[in-house]
Protein backbone atom coordinates (compact mmCIF):
# COMPACT_ATOMS: atom_id res chain seq x y z
CA UNK A 1 0.00 0.00 0.00
CA UNK A 2 2.85 2.43 0.86
CA UNK A 3 4.54 1.72 -2.50
CA UNK A 4 1.30 2.50 -4.34
CA UNK A 5 1.06 5.87 -2.59
CA UNK A 6 4.76 6.75 -3.04
CA UNK A 7 5.01 5.90 -6.75
CA UNK A 8 2.57 8.61 -8.02
CA UNK A 9 4.28 11.23 -5.85
CA UNK A 10 7.73 10.27 -7.14
CA UNK A 11 6.47 10.22 -10.70
CA UNK A 12 4.94 13.70 -10.30
CA UNK A 13 8.23 15.04 -8.89
CA UNK A 14 10.16 13.60 -11.84
CA UNK A 15 7.70 15.10 -14.35
CA UNK A 16 7.86 18.53 -12.71
CA UNK A 17 11.67 18.41 -12.56
CA UNK A 18 11.85 17.43 -16.23
CA UNK A 19 9.46 20.23 -17.21
CA UNK A 20 11.51 22.78 -15.28
CA UNK A 21 14.73 21.54 -16.91
CA UNK A 22 13.22 21.78 -20.38
CA UNK A 23 11.90 25.28 -19.67
CA UNK A 24 15.30 26.45 -18.41
CA UNK A 25 17.06 25.05 -21.48
CA UNK A 26 14.52 26.66 -23.81
CA UNK A 27 14.91 30.04 -22.12
CA UNK A 28 18.69 29.74 -22.32
CA UNK A 29 18.49 29.44 -26.12
CA UNK A 30 15.63 31.94 -26.57
CA UNK A 31 16.23 35.52 -27.70
CA UNK A 32 16.31 38.14 -24.91
CA UNK A 33 12.85 39.29 -23.87
CA UNK A 34 13.35 42.75 -25.40
CA UNK A 35 13.96 41.11 -28.78
CA UNK A 36 10.94 38.81 -28.38
CA UNK A 37 8.71 41.87 -28.03
CA UNK A 38 9.73 43.14 -31.47
CA UNK A 39 7.41 42.79 -34.47
CA UNK A 40 8.12 40.71 -37.54
CA UNK A 41 10.85 42.43 -39.57
CA UNK A 42 13.70 41.89 -42.01
CA UNK A 43 16.68 42.55 -39.74
CA UNK A 44 17.34 42.63 -36.01
CA UNK A 45 20.04 44.19 -33.84
CA UNK A 46 20.59 43.69 -30.10
CA UNK A 47 23.13 45.32 -27.80
CA UNK A 48 23.81 44.92 -24.08
CA UNK A 49 25.75 47.92 -22.79
CA UNK A 50 26.54 46.57 -19.31
CA UNK A 51 29.75 44.89 -20.50
CA UNK A 52 30.89 48.08 -22.26
CA UNK A 53 30.72 49.99 -18.99
CA UNK A 54 33.00 47.39 -17.43
CA UNK A 55 35.72 47.83 -20.05
CA UNK A 56 37.30 50.58 -17.98
CA UNK A 57 37.50 51.24 -14.28
CA UNK A 58 37.08 54.95 -15.08
CA UNK A 59 33.66 56.50 -15.79
CA UNK A 60 32.68 56.85 -19.43
CA UNK A 61 34.02 60.08 -20.96
CA UNK A 62 31.79 63.14 -20.88
CA UNK A 63 29.93 63.89 -24.09
CA UNK A 64 28.41 67.12 -25.36
CA UNK A 65 24.62 67.41 -25.63
CA UNK A 66 22.69 69.40 -28.18
CA UNK A 67 19.92 71.63 -26.72
CA UNK A 68 17.05 69.24 -27.51
CA UNK A 69 18.81 66.27 -25.95
CA UNK A 70 19.78 68.33 -22.91
CA UNK A 71 16.13 69.32 -22.48
CA UNK A 72 15.14 65.65 -22.74
CA UNK A 73 17.63 64.75 -19.98
CA UNK A 74 16.49 67.57 -17.70
CA UNK A 75 12.79 66.75 -18.07
CA UNK A 76 12.98 62.93 -17.93
CA UNK A 77 16.11 62.31 -15.85
CA UNK A 78 17.16 59.70 -18.45
CA UNK A 79 20.57 59.86 -20.08
CA UNK A 80 21.15 57.25 -22.77
CA UNK A 81 24.89 56.85 -22.26
CA UNK A 82 24.36 56.40 -18.49
CA UNK A 83 20.97 54.71 -18.03
CA UNK A 84 20.38 52.57 -21.13
CA UNK A 85 21.09 48.90 -20.37
CA UNK A 86 19.94 47.01 -23.47
CA UNK A 87 18.29 47.84 -26.77
CA UNK A 88 16.70 45.70 -29.47
CA UNK A 89 16.02 47.03 -32.98
CA UNK A 90 13.86 45.69 -35.78
CA UNK A 91 14.41 46.98 -39.32
CA UNK A 92 11.49 47.00 -41.77
CA UNK A 93 12.52 47.01 -45.44
CA UNK A 94 10.20 48.74 -47.95
CA UNK A 95 7.66 46.44 -49.56
CA UNK A 96 8.87 47.43 -53.03
CA UNK A 97 12.37 46.07 -52.41
CA UNK A 98 13.26 42.85 -54.27
CA UNK A 99 11.55 40.00 -52.45
CA UNK A 100 9.34 42.41 -50.52
CA UNK A 101 9.75 43.76 -47.01
CA UNK A 102 7.74 44.39 -43.85
CA UNK A 103 7.84 48.19 -44.10
CA UNK A 104 4.71 48.63 -46.19
CA UNK A 105 4.54 51.48 -48.69
CA UNK A 106 7.29 53.50 -46.99
CA UNK A 107 10.00 54.51 -49.50
CA UNK A 108 12.81 53.86 -47.00
CA UNK A 109 13.44 51.40 -44.12
CA UNK A 110 11.45 51.94 -40.95
CA UNK A 111 12.43 50.90 -37.41
CA UNK A 112 10.93 49.49 -34.23
CA UNK A 113 12.80 49.43 -30.91
CA UNK A 114 12.61 48.23 -27.34
CA UNK A 115 14.75 50.10 -24.80
CA UNK A 116 15.50 48.64 -21.36
CA UNK A 117 17.03 50.85 -18.71
CA UNK A 118 16.57 52.99 -15.63
CA UNK A 119 13.48 55.09 -16.41
CA UNK A 120 11.49 57.47 -14.26
CA UNK A 121 8.10 56.51 -15.67
CA UNK A 122 6.25 59.56 -14.38
CA UNK A 123 8.72 62.11 -15.73
CA UNK A 124 9.08 60.29 -19.05
CA UNK A 125 5.29 60.10 -19.50
CA UNK A 126 4.95 63.81 -18.73
CA UNK A 127 7.62 64.66 -21.30
CA UNK A 128 6.04 62.46 -23.98
CA UNK A 129 2.56 63.81 -23.25
CA UNK A 130 3.82 67.36 -23.67
CA UNK A 131 5.73 66.52 -26.87
CA UNK A 132 3.17 64.27 -28.56
CA UNK A 133 0.77 65.46 -31.22
CA UNK A 134 -1.77 62.85 -30.09
CA UNK A 135 -2.12 60.19 -27.41
CA UNK A 136 -3.95 56.88 -27.82
CA UNK A 137 -5.07 54.80 -24.86
CA UNK A 138 -4.55 51.19 -25.90
CA UNK A 139 -5.34 48.54 -23.31
CA UNK A 140 -4.54 50.95 -20.45
CA UNK A 141 -1.20 51.80 -22.09
CA UNK A 142 -0.67 55.27 -23.56
CA UNK A 143 0.81 55.37 -27.07
CA UNK A 144 2.32 58.78 -27.82
CA UNK A 145 2.49 59.87 -31.48
CA UNK A 146 5.25 62.40 -32.11
CA UNK A 147 5.77 64.04 -35.53
CA UNK A 148 9.35 63.53 -36.69
CA UNK A 149 10.48 64.41 -40.23
CA UNK A 150 7.04 64.01 -41.75
CA UNK A 151 6.19 60.70 -40.10
CA UNK A 152 4.69 59.53 -36.82
CA UNK A 153 7.12 58.24 -34.21
CA UNK A 154 5.08 56.25 -31.68
CA UNK A 155 6.29 55.57 -28.13
CA UNK A 156 4.77 53.39 -25.39
CA UNK A 157 5.98 52.83 -21.82
CA UNK A 158 5.66 49.05 -21.38
CA UNK A 159 6.89 48.70 -17.78
CA UNK A 160 9.05 50.36 -15.17
CA UNK A 161 12.18 49.51 -17.15
CA UNK A 162 11.05 49.05 -20.78
CA UNK A 163 9.93 51.44 -23.52
CA UNK A 164 8.81 50.55 -27.05
CA UNK A 165 8.99 52.81 -30.08
CA UNK A 166 8.32 52.57 -33.82
CA UNK A 167 8.11 54.86 -36.83
CA UNK A 168 6.28 52.26 -38.93
CA UNK A 169 3.26 53.76 -40.68
CA UNK A 170 1.01 51.00 -39.34
CA UNK A 171 -0.03 51.76 -35.75
CA UNK A 172 -0.75 48.04 -35.23
CA UNK A 173 3.01 47.44 -35.14
CA UNK A 174 3.47 49.16 -31.78
CA UNK A 175 0.10 47.88 -30.55
CA UNK A 176 1.40 44.36 -31.13
CA UNK A 177 4.48 45.17 -29.04
CA UNK A 178 2.19 46.33 -26.22
CA UNK A 179 0.14 43.12 -26.51
CA UNK A 180 3.23 40.91 -26.34
CA UNK A 181 4.53 42.76 -23.28
CA UNK A 182 1.31 41.89 -21.44
CA UNK A 183 1.64 38.15 -22.00
CA UNK A 184 3.73 35.75 -20.00
CA UNK A 185 7.27 35.56 -21.37
CA UNK A 186 7.53 32.59 -23.70
CA UNK A 187 10.73 31.02 -25.05
CA UNK A 188 8.77 30.22 -28.20
CA UNK A 189 7.91 33.87 -28.85
CA UNK A 190 9.58 36.36 -31.12
CA UNK A 191 9.66 37.19 -34.84
CA UNK A 192 9.96 34.28 -37.29
CA UNK A 193 13.36 35.30 -38.76
CA UNK A 194 14.79 35.69 -35.26
CA UNK A 195 13.39 32.35 -34.07
CA UNK A 196 14.94 30.66 -37.08
CA UNK A 197 18.48 31.96 -36.61
CA UNK A 198 18.90 32.92 -32.96
CA UNK A 199 20.30 29.45 -32.20
CA UNK A 200 23.32 30.49 -34.30
CA UNK A 201 24.03 33.47 -32.01
CA UNK A 202 26.90 32.71 -29.67
CA UNK A 203 26.02 32.16 -26.01
CA UNK A 204 25.96 35.33 -23.88
CA UNK A 205 26.75 37.49 -26.91
CA UNK A 206 26.57 41.17 -25.83
CA UNK A 207 25.84 42.32 -29.37
CA UNK A 208 24.40 40.46 -32.35
CA UNK A 209 22.73 40.97 -35.71
CA UNK A 210 20.29 38.74 -37.59
CA UNK A 211 19.43 40.12 -41.01
CA UNK A 212 18.18 39.25 -44.46
CA UNK A 213 20.59 40.83 -46.94
CA UNK A 214 19.15 42.19 -50.19
CA UNK A 215 22.26 43.22 -52.17
CA UNK A 216 20.30 44.60 -55.13
CA UNK A 217 18.49 47.19 -52.96
CA UNK A 218 19.92 50.69 -53.26
CA UNK A 219 20.07 51.25 -49.48
CA UNK A 220 22.39 48.27 -49.08
CA UNK A 221 25.22 50.20 -50.70
CA UNK A 222 28.21 48.04 -51.60
CA UNK A 223 26.86 44.75 -50.29
CA UNK A 224 26.46 43.54 -53.86
CA UNK A 225 30.25 43.43 -54.17
CA UNK A 226 30.25 40.57 -51.64
CA UNK A 227 26.80 38.97 -51.90
CA UNK A 228 25.82 37.83 -55.42
CA UNK A 229 22.27 37.04 -54.31
CA UNK A 230 20.08 37.55 -51.21
CA UNK A 231 21.32 35.76 -48.10
CA UNK A 232 20.69 35.59 -44.37
CA UNK A 233 23.38 36.97 -42.09
CA UNK A 234 24.11 36.21 -38.42
CA UNK A 235 26.82 38.19 -36.63
CA UNK A 236 27.57 37.67 -32.93
CA UNK A 237 30.33 37.96 -30.37
CA UNK A 238 31.29 35.81 -27.40
CA UNK A 239 33.32 36.53 -24.28
CA UNK A 240 33.79 35.04 -20.83
CA UNK A 241 31.49 37.03 -18.49
CA UNK A 242 33.23 35.54 -15.44
CA UNK A 243 36.43 37.47 -16.12
CA UNK A 244 35.30 40.99 -15.24
CA UNK A 245 36.08 43.82 -15.36
CA UNK A 246 37.13 43.36 -18.98
CA UNK A 247 40.55 44.92 -18.69
CA UNK A 248 42.10 42.26 -20.91
CA UNK A 249 40.86 39.54 -23.19
CA UNK A 250 38.88 39.70 -26.40
CA UNK A 251 35.54 39.32 -28.08
CA UNK A 252 35.35 36.46 -30.56
CA UNK A 253 33.31 37.58 -33.54
CA UNK A 254 31.62 35.20 -35.95
CA UNK A 255 29.72 36.26 -39.05
CA UNK A 256 27.80 33.58 -40.93
CA UNK A 257 26.21 34.19 -44.32
CA UNK A 258 23.56 31.59 -45.12
CA UNK A 259 23.43 31.48 -48.91
CA UNK A 260 20.86 29.83 -51.15
CA UNK A 261 23.40 27.31 -52.47
CA UNK A 262 26.95 26.04 -52.00
CA UNK A 263 27.93 27.92 -55.17
CA UNK A 264 26.72 31.23 -53.69
CA UNK A 265 28.56 30.47 -50.44
CA UNK A 266 31.73 29.74 -52.39
CA UNK A 267 31.38 33.04 -54.25
CA UNK A 268 31.02 34.97 -50.96
CA UNK A 269 33.99 33.14 -49.44
CA UNK A 270 36.19 33.79 -52.47
CA UNK A 271 35.38 37.51 -52.51
CA UNK A 272 36.06 37.92 -48.80
CA UNK A 273 39.33 36.01 -49.18
CA UNK A 274 40.40 38.34 -51.98
CA UNK A 275 39.56 41.40 -49.86
CA UNK A 276 41.61 40.08 -46.94
CA UNK A 277 44.53 39.27 -49.22
CA UNK A 278 44.41 42.77 -50.72
CA UNK A 279 44.37 44.31 -47.24
CA UNK A 280 47.37 42.30 -46.03
CA UNK A 281 49.22 43.04 -49.26
CA UNK A 282 48.61 46.77 -48.88
CA UNK A 283 49.68 46.67 -45.23
CA UNK A 284 52.91 44.91 -46.16
CA UNK A 285 53.73 47.30 -49.02
CA UNK A 286 53.31 50.50 -46.98
CA UNK A 287 54.46 49.12 -43.66
CA UNK A 288 52.52 48.97 -40.42
CA UNK A 289 49.89 51.74 -40.26
CA UNK A 290 50.64 52.30 -36.61
CA UNK A 291 51.93 50.84 -33.41
CA UNK A 292 48.54 49.81 -32.02
CA UNK A 293 49.00 46.15 -31.16
CA UNK A 294 45.28 45.62 -30.52
CA UNK A 295 44.26 46.80 -33.99
CA UNK A 296 47.01 44.73 -35.61
CA UNK A 297 45.87 41.67 -33.66
CA UNK A 298 42.32 42.23 -34.90
CA UNK A 299 43.27 42.26 -38.57
CA UNK A 300 45.71 39.38 -38.18
CA UNK A 301 42.95 37.25 -36.67
CA UNK A 302 40.54 37.56 -39.63
CA UNK A 303 39.78 34.20 -41.23
CA UNK A 304 37.22 33.13 -43.84
CA UNK A 305 36.07 29.66 -44.77
CA UNK A 306 33.17 27.91 -46.44
CA UNK A 307 31.02 25.37 -44.60
CA UNK A 308 28.51 23.85 -47.03
CA UNK A 309 26.06 26.64 -47.95
CA UNK A 310 27.56 29.03 -45.39
CA UNK A 311 30.40 31.50 -45.66
CA UNK A 312 31.88 32.12 -42.22
CA UNK A 313 34.20 34.91 -41.11
CA UNK A 314 36.02 34.74 -37.76
CA UNK A 315 37.79 37.55 -35.95
CA UNK A 316 39.20 38.23 -32.49
CA UNK A 317 38.70 41.77 -31.23
CA UNK A 318 40.81 42.72 -28.18
CA UNK A 319 38.69 44.57 -25.64
CA UNK A 320 41.39 47.23 -25.71
CA UNK A 321 40.03 48.33 -29.09
CA UNK A 322 36.63 49.11 -27.56
CA UNK A 323 38.18 50.74 -24.51
CA UNK A 324 40.27 53.07 -26.68
CA UNK A 325 37.23 53.96 -28.77
CA UNK A 326 35.30 54.86 -25.62
CA UNK A 327 38.13 56.88 -24.13
CA UNK A 328 38.70 58.78 -27.38
CA UNK A 329 35.03 59.67 -27.77
CA UNK A 330 34.54 63.28 -26.74
CA UNK A 331 31.40 64.26 -28.61
CA UNK A 332 28.07 62.52 -28.94
CA UNK A 333 26.77 62.52 -32.54
CA UNK A 334 23.48 64.29 -33.13
CA UNK A 335 21.94 60.98 -34.28
CA UNK A 336 22.31 59.80 -30.69
CA UNK A 337 19.67 62.22 -29.46
CA UNK A 338 16.38 60.53 -28.68
CA UNK A 339 13.89 60.68 -31.55
CA UNK A 340 11.27 61.80 -29.03
CA UNK A 341 13.08 65.10 -28.67
CA UNK A 342 11.04 66.74 -31.40
CA UNK A 343 9.63 70.22 -31.34
CA UNK A 344 6.90 70.09 -28.69
CA UNK A 345 3.27 70.45 -29.60
CA UNK A 346 0.26 70.24 -27.37
CA UNK A 347 -1.32 66.83 -26.95
CA UNK A 348 -4.78 66.45 -28.34
C-alpha cells in the first residue's frame, strides 16, 4: 500500500523536474525578452551595454549634448549613455524592395525598438505627453504619437524599465508590441526570422545581428560586391562574463552568411578572401599603419572559410580596441539624441 502511494508522488516530482529543466534550457536558447517583443521584420540588432561599462575602471568620458537632448535629460532624468542597459532594434525594409519587405509602402526602411534601462516613468510620461501630437489609450497603455520628419514616431511605456517605439506607418506594429509585453514571457515567442536563426548566435553574446541581406536594394550600398544574391546573415560575439572587469581579453566575432546554395557560399567566401589578401598586401607594401597592437591583432585574426552553404568569417577583437574607442570619444553625434526630442506640440 505504501509503495502504491509513493510511486505517483515520485512520478509527479520527476515530471515537474523534467518540465523545469526543459523550460530552463529553452529560455537559455531563446532571444532576450526585449527582442521577443519586437514585431516581424527583415533585420534585427541587439546590444547589451553593461559589458561596455566594465571595459574601464574609469567612468565613461563626458559627451556634449545638443539643446534638444539636454532638455530631454532635464525633463525625464534619463541619459542614454548612463541609463540605457539594453536595446533591441527591428528593421522593416520597404515592400517594393526585391523580395518584398515588412515596411509597407514607406520609401525607405522603418524601425521598431525596445529600450531597457533605468526610467522614471512619471517624468518620461509627462515629457512624452507634452511633446506628442496625439495620445492613444490602448489597453490601459498610452501610445504617444510624435511628428518627426514628416512621419509619426510612436512611443509606449511598457513597464518600469522598458519602452517601445516605432516609426512604422502602421499603428498596429506598436500595438502588437504592447500586446506581447502583457503576456507571460515565452521562449517560443519572437519574430519568425529571429526564431529561425537565434540558435546560431553565440552564447551570452553582448551584441548580435540577424538580417536578411538584399544586395540589389539601393540602401544596401556596396553589399552587392560581396553577396551575389540575397542571403541571411548572423553576426555575434562571445566573451567570458566571469572574467570581469574586462581589462584584458577579447571578443570572438563570428559572421555567418547563409546562402541559397553552395555555389553562392563559395562566391562569398572567395570575394572575402580576396579582400583580406588585398588588405594584407597593402599593409605589407606600406608598412605597419601604426603601433597599435590591438588593432594589428584584430586584422591578423581575420579568417574566412566555407562550410557547405555558409560562408563564415572569424575575428578576435581585443577589448582594448573598444576601450580606446570609448576613451577617445569626446562628442556625442546628433543621431544619438532621442527621436522623441522633437519640437513640442500640445497633446490632443
